[in-house]
Amino acid sequence: MSEKVKGPASYFPSIEKTYGQPVSHWLDMIAARSDEKHMETVGWLKSEHGLGHGHANALVAHARAQKG
């Protein structure tokens, strides 16, 4: 039995289905904006790429946690 994915990564299948790009696409773009604050990057994803708040927030949170 596989363990259920929790946290920001639980949004990844929906993000890929909704926006037609692999998660790696979004994470690469977020990595290029590492000098920004969390909510600045969330706002950019929402305004420039049409992501919903939950999806944008999950991607940024995951990217920042990996940078750690």
C-alpha atoms as a PDB file:
ATOM      1  CA  MET A   1       0.000   0.000   0.000  1.00  0.00           C
ATOM      2  CA  SER A   2       1.311   3.431  -0.894  1.00  0.00           C
ATOM      3  CA  GLU A   3       1.240   6.191   1.675  1.00  0.00           C
ATOM      4  CA  LYS A   4      -0.979   9.181   0.908  1.00  0.00           C
ATOM      5  CA  VAL A   5       0.984  12.262  -0.146  1.00  0.00           C
ATOM      6  CA  LYS A   6       0.605  15.108   2.328  1.00  0.00           C
ATOM      7  CA  GLY A   7       1.498  18.786   2.391  1.00  0.00           C
ATOM      8  CA  PRO A   8       2.109  20.937  -0.668  1.00  0.00           C
ATOM      9  CA  ALA A   9       2.952  17.934  -2.858  1.00  0.00           C
ATOM     10  CA  SER A  10      -0.630  16.694  -2.490  1.00  0.00           C
ATOM     11  CA  TYR A  11      -1.614  19.486  -4.912  1.00  0.00           C
ATOM     12  CA  PHE A  12       0.808  18.400  -7.649  1.00  0.00           C
ATOM     13  CA  PRO A  13      -1.476  16.063  -9.655  1.00  0.00           C
ATOM     14  CA  SER A  14      -4.176  18.732  -9.765  1.00  0.00           C
ATOM     15  CA  ILE A  15      -1.663  21.434 -10.727  1.00  0.00           C
ATOM     16  CA  GLU A  16      -0.365  19.343 -13.637  1.00  0.00           C
ATOM     17  CA  LYS A  17      -3.874  18.514 -14.829  1.00  0.00           C
ATOM     18  CA  THR A  18      -5.203  22.061 -14.480  1.00  0.00           C
ATOM     19  CA  TYR A  19      -2.316  23.999 -16.026  1.00  0.00           C
ATOM     20  CA  GLY A  20      -0.886  21.433 -18.449  1.00  0.00           C
ATOM     21  CA  GLN A  21       2.701  21.722 -17.252  1.00  0.00           C
ATOM     22  CA  PRO A  22       4.772  19.355 -15.123  1.00  0.00           C
ATOM     23  CA  VAL A  23       5.506  20.493 -11.582  1.00  0.00           C
ATOM     24  CA  SER A  24       9.184  20.747 -12.525  1.00  0.00           C
ATOM     25  CA  HIS A  25       8.270  23.578 -14.933  1.00  0.00           C
ATOM     26  CA  TRP A  26       6.805  25.643 -12.096  1.00  0.00           C
ATOM     27  CA  LEU A  27       9.565  24.769  -9.633  1.00  0.00           C
ATOM     28  CA  ASP A  28      12.226  25.854 -12.132  1.00  0.00           C
ATOM     29  CA  MET A  29      10.512  29.211 -12.600  1.00  0.00           C
ATOM     30  CA  ILE A  30      10.174  29.671  -8.842  1.00  0.00           C
ATOM     31  CA  ALA A  31      13.856  28.826  -8.343  1.00  0.00           C
ATOM     32  CA  ALA A  32      14.771  31.664 -10.709  1.00  0.00           C
ATOM     33  CA  ARG A  33      12.938  34.071  -8.377  1.00  0.00           C
ATOM     34  CA  SER A  34      14.579  32.963  -5.133  1.00  0.00           C
ATOM     35  CA  ASP A  35      15.332  36.560  -4.133  1.00  0.00           C
ATOM     36  CA  GLU A  36      11.615  37.291  -3.690  1.00  0.00           C
ATOM     37  CA  LYS A  37       9.506  36.813  -0.602  1.00  0.00           C
ATOM     38  CA  HIS A  38       7.090  33.886  -0.550  1.00  0.00           C
ATOM     39  CA  MET A  39       3.950  35.942  -1.186  1.00  0.00           C
ATOM     40  CA  GLU A  40       5.600  37.994  -3.936  1.00  0.00           C
ATOM     41  CA  THR A  41       6.227  34.795  -5.879  1.00  0.00           C
ATOM     42  CA  VAL A  42       2.704  33.526  -5.140  1.00  0.00           C
ATOM     43  CA  GLY A  43       1.293  36.794  -6.474  1.00  0.00           C
ATOM     44  CA  TRP A  44       3.431  36.538  -9.601  1.00  0.00           C
ATOM     45  CA  LEU A  45       2.239  33.006 -10.334  1.00  0.00           C
ATOM     46  CA  LYS A  46      -1.357  34.132  -9.895  1.00  0.00           C
ATOM     47  CA  SER A  47      -1.170  37.330 -11.949  1.00  0.00           C
ATOM     48  CA  GLU A  48       1.219  36.260 -14.713  1.00  0.00           C
ATOM     49  CA  HIS A  49       0.330  32.580 -15.083  1.00  0.00           C
ATOM     50  CA  GLY A  50      -3.262  32.335 -13.855  1.00  0.00           C
ATOM     51  CA  LEU A  51      -2.641  29.884 -11.037  1.00  0.00           C
ATOM     52  CA  GLY A  52      -5.111  29.767  -8.190  1.00  0.00           C
ATOM     53  CA  HIS A  53      -3.931  30.868  -4.771  1.00  0.00           C
ATOM     54  CA  GLY A  54      -3.780  27.367  -3.259  1.00  0.00           C
ATOM     55  CA  HIS A  55      -1.815  25.943  -6.167  1.00  0.00           C
ATOM     56  CA  ALA A  56       0.616  28.868  -6.286  1.00  0.00           C
ATOM     57  CA  ASN A  57       1.116  28.785  -2.532  1.00  0.00           C
ATOM     58  CA  ALA A  58       1.724  25.013  -2.533  1.00  0.00           C
ATOM     59  CA  LEU A  59       4.349  25.278  -5.276  1.00  0.00           C
ATOM     60  CA  VAL A  60       6.209  28.123  -3.581  1.00  0.00           C
ATOM     61  CA  ALA A  61       6.060  26.440  -0.167  1.00  0.00           C
ATOM     62  CA  HIS A  62       7.440  23.208  -1.620  1.00  0.00           C
ATOM     63  CA  ALA A  63      10.199  25.010  -3.539  1.00  0.00           C
ATOM     64  CA  ARG A  64      11.272  27.029  -0.499  1.00  0.00           C
ATOM     65  CA  ALA A  65      11.253  23.930   1.748  1.00  0.00           C
ATOM     66  CA  GLN A  66      13.505  22.067  -0.720  1.00  0.00           C
ATOM     67  CA  LYS A  67      15.926  24.977  -0.811  1.00  0.00           C
ATOM     68  CA  GLY A  68      16.214  24.753   2.935  1.00  0.00           C
END
